[in-house]
Amino acid sequence: MEAEAVAKDWWLYHGNGEGADRRARLEAGSPPPWRDFGGAPDPHYAPPGCAGEAWRRTVLRGEGYVPDEQEKDVVNTALHLRRPLLVTGKPGVGKSTLAHSIASDLNLGPVLHWPITSRTVLRDGLYLYDAVGRLQEAGMEQLRTPGGLPAAAAGAGAAARAGAGSDV
């Protein structure tokens, strides 16, 4: 019985909604070597906070979910390895509610909704950079600015868009 209690000591997700200290433990650890991307975070990015209507809906949906031991073990393994977790199942078995429960339990912010269909491909979830569009925008900015010198550039973010969809 003691070995079982020790094994669960590493768990971050418990499904009971008291995870602020456990989330801090996860963030305090250094990422595994395969999760080190070598880049710098965008200084202008602010993650969605734990406030507002979207967060309230996440908490309401996730707080009633009671995960079983196997679900907790799988979720915690994915959290510690910092790997995504693909949850599959028939409609109504609790896949989305599990996501809301994890977000609520660890104060991760509102769950982002991305409908997946049989036609969804990985590229749909990535950001694409439109170099030609960015070049055209820079040229237009140069024409609009007196003297032909561009004013403060809008930045590369204006040329990035989420997903490829049917635009490619």
N, C-alpha and C. Protein backbone atom coordinates (compact mmCIF):
# COMPACT_ATOMS: atom_id res chain seq x y z
N MET A 1 0.81 -1.20 0.00
CA MET A 1 0.00 0.00 0.00
C MET A 1 0.86 1.26 0.00
N GLU A 2 1.99 1.24 0.71
CA GLU A 2 2.87 2.39 0.77
C GLU A 2 3.49 2.68 -0.60
N ALA A 3 3.84 1.66 -1.34
CA ALA A 3 4.43 1.84 -2.68
C ALA A 3 3.43 2.54 -3.60
N GLU A 4 2.15 2.23 -3.45
CA GLU A 4 1.13 2.86 -4.29
C GLU A 4 1.04 4.35 -3.98
N ALA A 5 1.11 4.74 -2.71
CA ALA A 5 1.06 6.15 -2.33
C ALA A 5 2.28 6.90 -2.84
N VAL A 6 3.45 6.28 -2.81
CA VAL A 6 4.66 6.91 -3.31
C VAL A 6 4.58 7.10 -4.81
N ALA A 7 4.05 6.12 -5.51
CA ALA A 7 3.94 6.21 -6.96
C ALA A 7 3.04 7.38 -7.38
N LYS A 8 2.01 7.69 -6.60
CA LYS A 8 1.09 8.77 -6.94
C LYS A 8 1.59 10.13 -6.50
N ASP A 9 2.69 10.18 -5.79
CA ASP A 9 3.23 11.44 -5.32
C ASP A 9 3.69 12.32 -6.49
N TRP A 10 4.05 11.73 -7.61
CA TRP A 10 4.52 12.48 -8.77
C TRP A 10 3.38 13.04 -9.60
N TRP A 11 2.16 12.61 -9.34
CA TRP A 11 1.01 13.08 -10.11
C TRP A 11 0.79 14.57 -9.93
N LEU A 12 0.47 15.25 -11.01
CA LEU A 12 0.10 16.66 -10.98
C LEU A 12 -1.41 16.82 -11.11
N TYR A 13 -2.01 16.03 -11.96
CA TYR A 13 -3.45 16.09 -12.19
C TYR A 13 -4.14 15.06 -11.30
N HIS A 14 -5.07 15.54 -10.49
CA HIS A 14 -5.84 14.65 -9.62
C HIS A 14 -7.33 14.70 -9.90
N GLY A 15 -7.78 15.76 -10.58
CA GLY A 15 -9.20 15.87 -10.90
C GLY A 15 -10.02 16.46 -9.79
N ASN A 16 -9.39 17.10 -8.81
CA ASN A 16 -10.17 17.66 -7.71
C ASN A 16 -10.15 19.19 -7.66
N GLY A 17 -9.53 19.84 -8.65
CA GLY A 17 -9.60 21.29 -8.76
C GLY A 17 -8.71 22.08 -7.82
N GLU A 18 -7.73 21.48 -7.21
CA GLU A 18 -6.84 22.21 -6.30
C GLU A 18 -5.41 22.10 -6.81
N GLY A 19 -5.15 22.61 -8.00
CA GLY A 19 -3.88 22.33 -8.65
C GLY A 19 -2.91 23.47 -8.80
N ALA A 20 -3.10 24.61 -8.13
CA ALA A 20 -2.18 25.73 -8.32
C ALA A 20 -0.76 25.35 -7.94
N ASP A 21 -0.58 24.66 -6.83
CA ASP A 21 0.77 24.26 -6.40
C ASP A 21 1.34 23.18 -7.32
N ARG A 22 0.49 22.29 -7.83
CA ARG A 22 0.97 21.24 -8.73
C ARG A 22 1.38 21.82 -10.08
N ARG A 23 0.66 22.82 -10.57
CA ARG A 23 1.03 23.48 -11.81
C ARG A 23 2.38 24.18 -11.64
N ALA A 24 2.59 24.80 -10.50
CA ALA A 24 3.88 25.45 -10.24
C ALA A 24 5.01 24.43 -10.25
N ARG A 25 4.76 23.22 -9.74
CA ARG A 25 5.77 22.16 -9.77
C ARG A 25 6.13 21.78 -11.20
N LEU A 26 5.13 21.71 -12.06
CA LEU A 26 5.37 21.36 -13.47
C LEU A 26 6.19 22.45 -14.15
N GLU A 27 5.83 23.70 -13.92
CA GLU A 27 6.52 24.81 -14.57
C GLU A 27 7.93 24.99 -14.02
N ALA A 28 8.18 24.58 -12.78
CA ALA A 28 9.49 24.75 -12.17
C ALA A 28 10.52 23.79 -12.75
N GLY A 29 10.08 22.64 -13.19
CA GLY A 29 11.01 21.65 -13.74
C GLY A 29 11.51 22.06 -15.12
N SER A 30 12.72 21.65 -15.44
CA SER A 30 13.24 21.96 -16.76
C SER A 30 12.66 20.97 -17.77
N PRO A 31 12.41 21.41 -19.00
CA PRO A 31 11.84 20.51 -20.00
C PRO A 31 12.84 19.44 -20.41
N PRO A 32 12.34 18.29 -20.81
CA PRO A 32 13.24 17.25 -21.33
C PRO A 32 13.95 17.78 -22.58
N PRO A 33 15.09 17.18 -22.94
CA PRO A 33 15.87 17.69 -24.08
C PRO A 33 15.08 17.77 -25.39
N TRP A 34 14.13 16.86 -25.58
CA TRP A 34 13.39 16.88 -26.85
C TRP A 34 12.33 17.98 -26.88
N ARG A 35 12.09 18.69 -25.76
CA ARG A 35 11.13 19.78 -25.72
C ARG A 35 11.82 21.14 -25.70
N ASP A 36 13.13 21.19 -25.84
CA ASP A 36 13.87 22.44 -25.85
C ASP A 36 13.95 22.92 -27.29
N PHE A 37 13.24 24.00 -27.61
CA PHE A 37 13.16 24.47 -28.97
C PHE A 37 14.21 25.52 -29.30
N GLY A 38 14.96 25.98 -28.31
CA GLY A 38 16.05 26.89 -28.55
C GLY A 38 15.64 28.31 -28.91
N GLY A 39 14.40 28.58 -29.10
CA GLY A 39 13.96 29.92 -29.45
C GLY A 39 13.59 30.71 -28.21
N ALA A 40 13.20 31.92 -28.42
CA ALA A 40 12.77 32.78 -27.32
C ALA A 40 11.26 32.98 -27.42
N PRO A 41 10.59 33.03 -26.28
CA PRO A 41 9.14 33.27 -26.32
C PRO A 41 8.83 34.66 -26.87
N ASP A 42 7.69 34.78 -27.48
CA ASP A 42 7.23 36.06 -28.00
C ASP A 42 6.94 36.97 -26.81
N PRO A 43 7.63 38.11 -26.70
CA PRO A 43 7.43 38.97 -25.53
C PRO A 43 6.05 39.63 -25.50
N HIS A 44 5.35 39.64 -26.63
CA HIS A 44 4.04 40.27 -26.69
C HIS A 44 2.90 39.29 -26.44
N TYR A 45 3.23 37.99 -26.32
CA TYR A 45 2.19 36.99 -26.11
C TYR A 45 1.77 36.96 -24.65
N ALA A 46 0.51 36.97 -24.42
CA ALA A 46 -0.03 36.82 -23.07
C ALA A 46 -1.00 35.64 -23.10
N PRO A 47 -0.72 34.57 -22.37
CA PRO A 47 -1.63 33.43 -22.39
C PRO A 47 -2.98 33.81 -21.80
N PRO A 48 -4.02 33.13 -22.23
CA PRO A 48 -5.34 33.44 -21.66
C PRO A 48 -5.33 33.17 -20.17
N GLY A 49 -5.87 34.07 -19.43
CA GLY A 49 -5.86 33.94 -17.98
C GLY A 49 -7.02 33.11 -17.47
N CYS A 50 -7.03 32.93 -16.19
CA CYS A 50 -8.08 32.16 -15.52
C CYS A 50 -9.16 33.12 -15.04
N ALA A 51 -9.73 33.85 -15.96
CA ALA A 51 -10.80 34.79 -15.66
C ALA A 51 -11.66 34.91 -16.91
N GLY A 52 -12.83 35.44 -16.74
CA GLY A 52 -13.71 35.68 -17.88
C GLY A 52 -14.68 34.53 -18.13
N GLU A 53 -15.51 34.76 -19.12
CA GLU A 53 -16.59 33.81 -19.43
C GLU A 53 -16.07 32.47 -19.92
N ALA A 54 -15.04 32.48 -20.78
CA ALA A 54 -14.51 31.20 -21.28
C ALA A 54 -13.94 30.36 -20.14
N TRP A 55 -13.26 30.99 -19.20
CA TRP A 55 -12.71 30.26 -18.05
C TRP A 55 -13.84 29.72 -17.17
N ARG A 56 -14.88 30.52 -16.96
CA ARG A 56 -16.01 30.07 -16.15
C ARG A 56 -16.66 28.83 -16.76
N ARG A 57 -16.81 28.82 -18.09
CA ARG A 57 -17.39 27.64 -18.76
C ARG A 57 -16.47 26.43 -18.62
N THR A 58 -15.15 26.65 -18.71
CA THR A 58 -14.20 25.54 -18.55
C THR A 58 -14.33 24.94 -17.16
N VAL A 59 -14.37 25.77 -16.14
CA VAL A 59 -14.46 25.27 -14.76
C VAL A 59 -15.79 24.55 -14.55
N LEU A 60 -16.88 25.12 -15.01
CA LEU A 60 -18.19 24.49 -14.82
C LEU A 60 -18.25 23.11 -15.47
N ARG A 61 -17.67 22.99 -16.65
CA ARG A 61 -17.71 21.71 -17.35
C ARG A 61 -16.74 20.70 -16.75
N GLY A 62 -15.60 21.17 -16.27
CA GLY A 62 -14.59 20.24 -15.78
C GLY A 62 -14.70 19.84 -14.34
N GLU A 63 -15.37 20.66 -13.50
CA GLU A 63 -15.37 20.38 -12.08
C GLU A 63 -16.17 19.15 -11.68
N GLY A 64 -17.12 18.73 -12.46
CA GLY A 64 -17.91 17.57 -12.10
C GLY A 64 -17.34 16.25 -12.59
N TYR A 65 -16.26 16.30 -13.35
CA TYR A 65 -15.68 15.09 -13.93
C TYR A 65 -14.85 14.36 -12.88
N VAL A 66 -15.06 13.06 -12.76
CA VAL A 66 -14.31 12.24 -11.82
C VAL A 66 -13.50 11.23 -12.64
N PRO A 67 -12.20 11.51 -12.85
CA PRO A 67 -11.38 10.60 -13.66
C PRO A 67 -11.04 9.33 -12.88
N ASP A 68 -10.93 8.22 -13.59
CA ASP A 68 -10.51 6.99 -12.91
C ASP A 68 -8.99 6.96 -12.82
N GLU A 69 -8.45 5.98 -12.12
CA GLU A 69 -7.02 5.90 -11.87
C GLU A 69 -6.21 5.81 -13.17
N GLN A 70 -6.70 5.04 -14.12
CA GLN A 70 -5.97 4.89 -15.38
C GLN A 70 -5.90 6.21 -16.14
N GLU A 71 -7.01 6.96 -16.17
CA GLU A 71 -7.00 8.27 -16.85
C GLU A 71 -6.01 9.22 -16.18
N LYS A 72 -6.02 9.24 -14.85
CA LYS A 72 -5.08 10.11 -14.13
C LYS A 72 -3.64 9.73 -14.44
N ASP A 73 -3.37 8.44 -14.48
CA ASP A 73 -2.00 7.98 -14.74
C ASP A 73 -1.54 8.38 -16.14
N VAL A 74 -2.40 8.21 -17.13
CA VAL A 74 -2.05 8.55 -18.51
C VAL A 74 -1.86 10.06 -18.66
N VAL A 75 -2.76 10.85 -18.09
CA VAL A 75 -2.66 12.30 -18.18
C VAL A 75 -1.37 12.79 -17.51
N ASN A 76 -1.08 12.27 -16.33
CA ASN A 76 0.12 12.68 -15.61
C ASN A 76 1.40 12.26 -16.33
N THR A 77 1.38 11.12 -16.96
CA THR A 77 2.54 10.69 -17.74
C THR A 77 2.78 11.67 -18.89
N ALA A 78 1.72 12.04 -19.60
CA ALA A 78 1.85 13.01 -20.69
C ALA A 78 2.34 14.36 -20.18
N LEU A 79 1.85 14.79 -19.02
CA LEU A 79 2.29 16.07 -18.45
C LEU A 79 3.78 16.05 -18.12
N HIS A 80 4.23 14.98 -17.48
CA HIS A 80 5.64 14.91 -17.10
C HIS A 80 6.57 14.76 -18.30
N LEU A 81 6.12 14.05 -19.32
CA LEU A 81 6.93 13.91 -20.53
C LEU A 81 6.80 15.12 -21.45
N ARG A 82 5.82 15.98 -21.13
CA ARG A 82 5.52 17.15 -21.94
C ARG A 82 5.26 16.76 -23.39
N ARG A 83 4.44 15.76 -23.51
CA ARG A 83 4.00 15.25 -24.81
C ARG A 83 2.50 15.42 -24.92
N PRO A 84 1.99 15.60 -26.14
CA PRO A 84 0.54 15.69 -26.30
C PRO A 84 -0.12 14.34 -26.00
N LEU A 85 -1.37 14.41 -25.68
CA LEU A 85 -2.14 13.22 -25.38
C LEU A 85 -3.33 13.17 -26.33
N LEU A 86 -3.40 12.14 -27.14
CA LEU A 86 -4.52 11.96 -28.06
C LEU A 86 -5.57 11.12 -27.36
N VAL A 87 -6.73 11.71 -27.15
CA VAL A 87 -7.83 11.03 -26.47
C VAL A 87 -8.87 10.69 -27.52
N THR A 88 -9.20 9.41 -27.64
CA THR A 88 -10.18 8.98 -28.63
C THR A 88 -11.35 8.32 -27.93
N GLY A 89 -12.43 8.17 -28.65
CA GLY A 89 -13.60 7.50 -28.11
C GLY A 89 -14.86 7.93 -28.82
N LYS A 90 -15.91 7.22 -28.54
CA LYS A 90 -17.21 7.53 -29.15
C LYS A 90 -17.77 8.82 -28.57
N PRO A 91 -18.71 9.45 -29.28
CA PRO A 91 -19.32 10.68 -28.77
C PRO A 91 -19.97 10.45 -27.40
N GLY A 92 -19.74 11.40 -26.50
CA GLY A 92 -20.39 11.35 -25.21
C GLY A 92 -19.67 10.58 -24.11
N VAL A 93 -18.45 10.08 -24.38
CA VAL A 93 -17.75 9.32 -23.34
C VAL A 93 -16.95 10.21 -22.40
N GLY A 94 -16.77 11.50 -22.73
CA GLY A 94 -16.10 12.41 -21.81
C GLY A 94 -14.75 12.93 -22.26
N LYS A 95 -14.44 12.87 -23.55
CA LYS A 95 -13.14 13.34 -24.03
C LYS A 95 -12.98 14.84 -23.78
N SER A 96 -13.94 15.62 -24.19
CA SER A 96 -13.87 17.07 -24.00
C SER A 96 -13.95 17.43 -22.53
N THR A 97 -14.77 16.72 -21.78
CA THR A 97 -14.90 16.99 -20.35
C THR A 97 -13.60 16.70 -19.63
N LEU A 98 -12.85 15.68 -20.07
CA LEU A 98 -11.53 15.41 -19.50
C LEU A 98 -10.61 16.60 -19.74
N ALA A 99 -10.62 17.16 -20.95
CA ALA A 99 -9.79 18.34 -21.25
C ALA A 99 -10.16 19.51 -20.35
N HIS A 100 -11.45 19.73 -20.16
CA HIS A 100 -11.90 20.80 -19.27
C HIS A 100 -11.48 20.52 -17.82
N SER A 101 -11.54 19.28 -17.42
CA SER A 101 -11.14 18.91 -16.06
C SER A 101 -9.66 19.17 -15.83
N ILE A 102 -8.82 18.81 -16.80
CA ILE A 102 -7.37 19.04 -16.69
C ILE A 102 -7.09 20.54 -16.61
N ALA A 103 -7.71 21.31 -17.50
CA ALA A 103 -7.50 22.77 -17.52
C ALA A 103 -7.94 23.40 -16.21
N SER A 104 -9.08 22.96 -15.71
CA SER A 104 -9.61 23.51 -14.46
C SER A 104 -8.75 23.10 -13.27
N ASP A 105 -8.36 21.84 -13.22
CA ASP A 105 -7.61 21.31 -12.09
C ASP A 105 -6.24 21.97 -11.95
N LEU A 106 -5.59 22.28 -13.08
CA LEU A 106 -4.24 22.84 -13.05
C LEU A 106 -4.21 24.34 -13.35
N ASN A 107 -5.40 24.97 -13.40
CA ASN A 107 -5.50 26.41 -13.69
C ASN A 107 -4.74 26.79 -14.97
N LEU A 108 -5.00 26.06 -16.04
CA LEU A 108 -4.30 26.28 -17.30
C LEU A 108 -4.96 27.33 -18.18
N GLY A 109 -6.13 27.77 -17.83
CA GLY A 109 -6.86 28.71 -18.67
C GLY A 109 -7.94 27.99 -19.45
N PRO A 110 -8.72 28.73 -20.23
CA PRO A 110 -9.83 28.12 -20.96
C PRO A 110 -9.36 27.12 -22.01
N VAL A 111 -10.18 26.11 -22.23
CA VAL A 111 -9.89 25.10 -23.24
C VAL A 111 -10.15 25.70 -24.62
N LEU A 112 -9.20 25.49 -25.53
CA LEU A 112 -9.37 25.95 -26.90
C LEU A 112 -10.12 24.89 -27.69
N HIS A 113 -11.07 25.32 -28.48
CA HIS A 113 -11.92 24.40 -29.23
C HIS A 113 -11.42 24.31 -30.67
N TRP A 114 -11.11 23.11 -31.12
CA TRP A 114 -10.68 22.88 -32.50
C TRP A 114 -11.38 21.63 -33.00
N PRO A 115 -12.46 21.80 -33.77
CA PRO A 115 -13.18 20.63 -34.28
C PRO A 115 -12.31 19.83 -35.27
N ILE A 116 -12.21 18.56 -35.05
CA ILE A 116 -11.43 17.66 -35.90
C ILE A 116 -12.40 16.79 -36.69
N THR A 117 -12.17 16.70 -37.99
CA THR A 117 -13.00 15.84 -38.83
C THR A 117 -12.09 14.85 -39.55
N SER A 118 -12.68 14.01 -40.36
CA SER A 118 -11.88 13.05 -41.12
C SER A 118 -11.02 13.74 -42.17
N ARG A 119 -11.33 14.99 -42.50
CA ARG A 119 -10.55 15.73 -43.50
C ARG A 119 -9.47 16.61 -42.87
N THR A 120 -9.40 16.68 -41.55
CA THR A 120 -8.41 17.51 -40.88
C THR A 120 -7.02 16.90 -41.05
N VAL A 121 -6.06 17.75 -41.37
CA VAL A 121 -4.67 17.31 -41.49
C VAL A 121 -3.82 18.13 -40.51
N LEU A 122 -2.63 17.65 -40.23
CA LEU A 122 -1.76 18.30 -39.27
C LEU A 122 -1.50 19.76 -39.62
N ARG A 123 -1.35 20.05 -40.89
CA ARG A 123 -1.05 21.41 -41.33
C ARG A 123 -2.14 22.39 -40.88
N ASP A 124 -3.36 21.93 -40.71
CA ASP A 124 -4.45 22.80 -40.29
C ASP A 124 -4.21 23.38 -38.90
N GLY A 125 -3.39 22.72 -38.09
CA GLY A 125 -3.14 23.19 -36.73
C GLY A 125 -1.90 24.04 -36.60
N LEU A 126 -1.18 24.26 -37.68
CA LEU A 126 0.05 25.04 -37.62
C LEU A 126 -0.18 26.44 -38.16
N TYR A 127 0.71 27.33 -37.84
CA TYR A 127 0.65 28.67 -38.41
C TYR A 127 1.47 28.70 -39.68
N LEU A 128 0.98 29.40 -40.66
CA LEU A 128 1.67 29.54 -41.93
C LEU A 128 2.14 30.98 -42.08
N TYR A 129 3.29 31.17 -42.66
CA TYR A 129 3.82 32.51 -42.90
C TYR A 129 3.67 32.80 -44.38
N ASP A 130 2.98 33.86 -44.69
CA ASP A 130 2.73 34.27 -46.08
C ASP A 130 3.78 35.29 -46.48
N ALA A 131 4.91 34.82 -47.03
CA ALA A 131 6.02 35.70 -47.39
C ALA A 131 5.63 36.67 -48.49
N VAL A 132 4.90 36.21 -49.49
CA VAL A 132 4.49 37.09 -50.58
C VAL A 132 3.54 38.17 -50.06
N GLY A 133 2.61 37.78 -49.23
CA GLY A 133 1.69 38.75 -48.63
C GLY A 133 2.42 39.77 -47.79
N ARG A 134 3.42 39.31 -47.04
CA ARG A 134 4.22 40.22 -46.21
C ARG A 134 4.99 41.20 -47.09
N LEU A 135 5.55 40.73 -48.18
CA LEU A 135 6.29 41.58 -49.11
C LEU A 135 5.35 42.62 -49.73
N GLN A 136 4.16 42.20 -50.11
CA GLN A 136 3.19 43.13 -50.69
C GLN A 136 2.78 44.19 -49.67
N GLU A 137 2.56 43.77 -48.42
CA GLU A 137 2.18 44.71 -47.38
C GLU A 137 3.30 45.72 -47.11
N ALA A 138 4.55 45.25 -47.10
CA ALA A 138 5.68 46.15 -46.90
C ALA A 138 5.76 47.16 -48.04
N GLY A 139 5.52 46.72 -49.27
CA GLY A 139 5.52 47.63 -50.41
C GLY A 139 4.41 48.66 -50.31
N MET A 140 3.23 48.25 -49.89
CA MET A 140 2.11 49.17 -49.74
C MET A 140 2.40 50.18 -48.63
N GLU A 141 3.03 49.74 -47.57
CA GLU A 141 3.38 50.63 -46.46
C GLU A 141 4.39 51.68 -46.94
N GLN A 142 5.30 51.24 -47.79
CA GLN A 142 6.31 52.16 -48.32
C GLN A 142 5.64 53.23 -49.19
N LEU A 143 4.64 52.85 -49.97
CA LEU A 143 3.92 53.81 -50.81
C LEU A 143 3.10 54.79 -49.98
N ARG A 144 2.55 54.33 -48.86
CA ARG A 144 1.72 55.18 -48.01
C ARG A 144 2.53 56.17 -47.20
N THR A 145 3.80 55.87 -46.97
CA THR A 145 4.63 56.71 -46.10
C THR A 145 5.31 57.79 -46.91
N PRO A 146 5.22 59.05 -46.47
CA PRO A 146 5.91 60.13 -47.19
C PRO A 146 7.42 59.88 -47.21
N GLY A 147 8.04 60.13 -48.33
CA GLY A 147 9.48 59.93 -48.48
C GLY A 147 9.84 58.51 -48.88
N GLY A 148 8.86 57.62 -48.94
CA GLY A 148 9.11 56.26 -49.39
C GLY A 148 9.74 55.33 -48.37
N LEU A 149 10.02 55.82 -47.18
CA LEU A 149 10.59 54.94 -46.16
C LEU A 149 9.47 54.39 -45.29
N PRO A 150 9.49 53.10 -45.02
CA PRO A 150 8.40 52.53 -44.23
C PRO A 150 8.41 53.05 -42.80
N ALA A 151 7.22 53.30 -42.28
CA ALA A 151 7.07 53.65 -40.87
C ALA A 151 7.29 52.38 -40.06
N ALA A 152 6.95 52.43 -38.83
CA ALA A 152 7.12 51.23 -37.99
C ALA A 152 6.39 50.08 -38.65
N ALA A 153 7.13 49.05 -38.99
CA ALA A 153 6.55 47.90 -39.70
C ALA A 153 5.53 47.19 -38.83
N ALA A 154 4.52 46.67 -39.48
CA ALA A 154 3.48 45.95 -38.75
C ALA A 154 4.03 44.68 -38.14
N GLY A 155 5.14 44.21 -38.64
CA GLY A 155 5.75 42.99 -38.08
C GLY A 155 5.33 41.77 -38.87
N ALA A 156 6.06 40.69 -38.63
CA ALA A 156 5.79 39.45 -39.35
C ALA A 156 4.49 38.81 -38.90
N GLY A 157 4.02 39.16 -37.73
CA GLY A 157 2.78 38.56 -37.22
C GLY A 157 1.59 38.82 -38.11
N ALA A 158 1.60 39.93 -38.82
CA ALA A 158 0.50 40.24 -39.71
C ALA A 158 0.43 39.26 -40.89
N ALA A 159 1.54 38.63 -41.21
CA ALA A 159 1.57 37.71 -42.36
C ALA A 159 1.37 36.27 -41.93
N ALA A 160 1.24 36.03 -40.65
CA ALA A 160 1.01 34.67 -40.16
C ALA A 160 -0.48 34.44 -39.99
N ARG A 161 -0.92 33.27 -40.35
CA ARG A 161 -2.33 32.93 -40.16
C ARG A 161 -2.42 31.50 -39.65
N ALA A 162 -3.46 31.24 -38.91
CA ALA A 162 -3.63 29.92 -38.33
C ALA A 162 -4.13 28.95 -39.37
N GLY A 163 -3.49 27.81 -39.44
CA GLY A 163 -3.96 26.72 -40.29
C GLY A 163 -3.89 27.00 -41.77
N ALA A 164 -3.86 25.94 -42.52
CA ALA A 164 -3.81 26.07 -43.97
C ALA A 164 -5.21 25.96 -44.56
N GLY A 165 -6.00 25.06 -44.00
CA GLY A 165 -7.35 24.86 -44.50
C GLY A 165 -7.37 24.62 -45.99
N SER A 166 -8.29 25.29 -46.68
CA SER A 166 -8.40 25.14 -48.12
C SER A 166 -7.67 26.25 -48.85
N ASP A 167 -6.91 27.10 -48.11
CA ASP A 167 -6.20 28.21 -48.74
C ASP A 167 -4.98 27.75 -49.50
N VAL A 168 -4.47 26.57 -49.22
CA VAL A 168 -3.22 26.12 -49.84
C VAL A 168 -3.49 25.45 -51.16
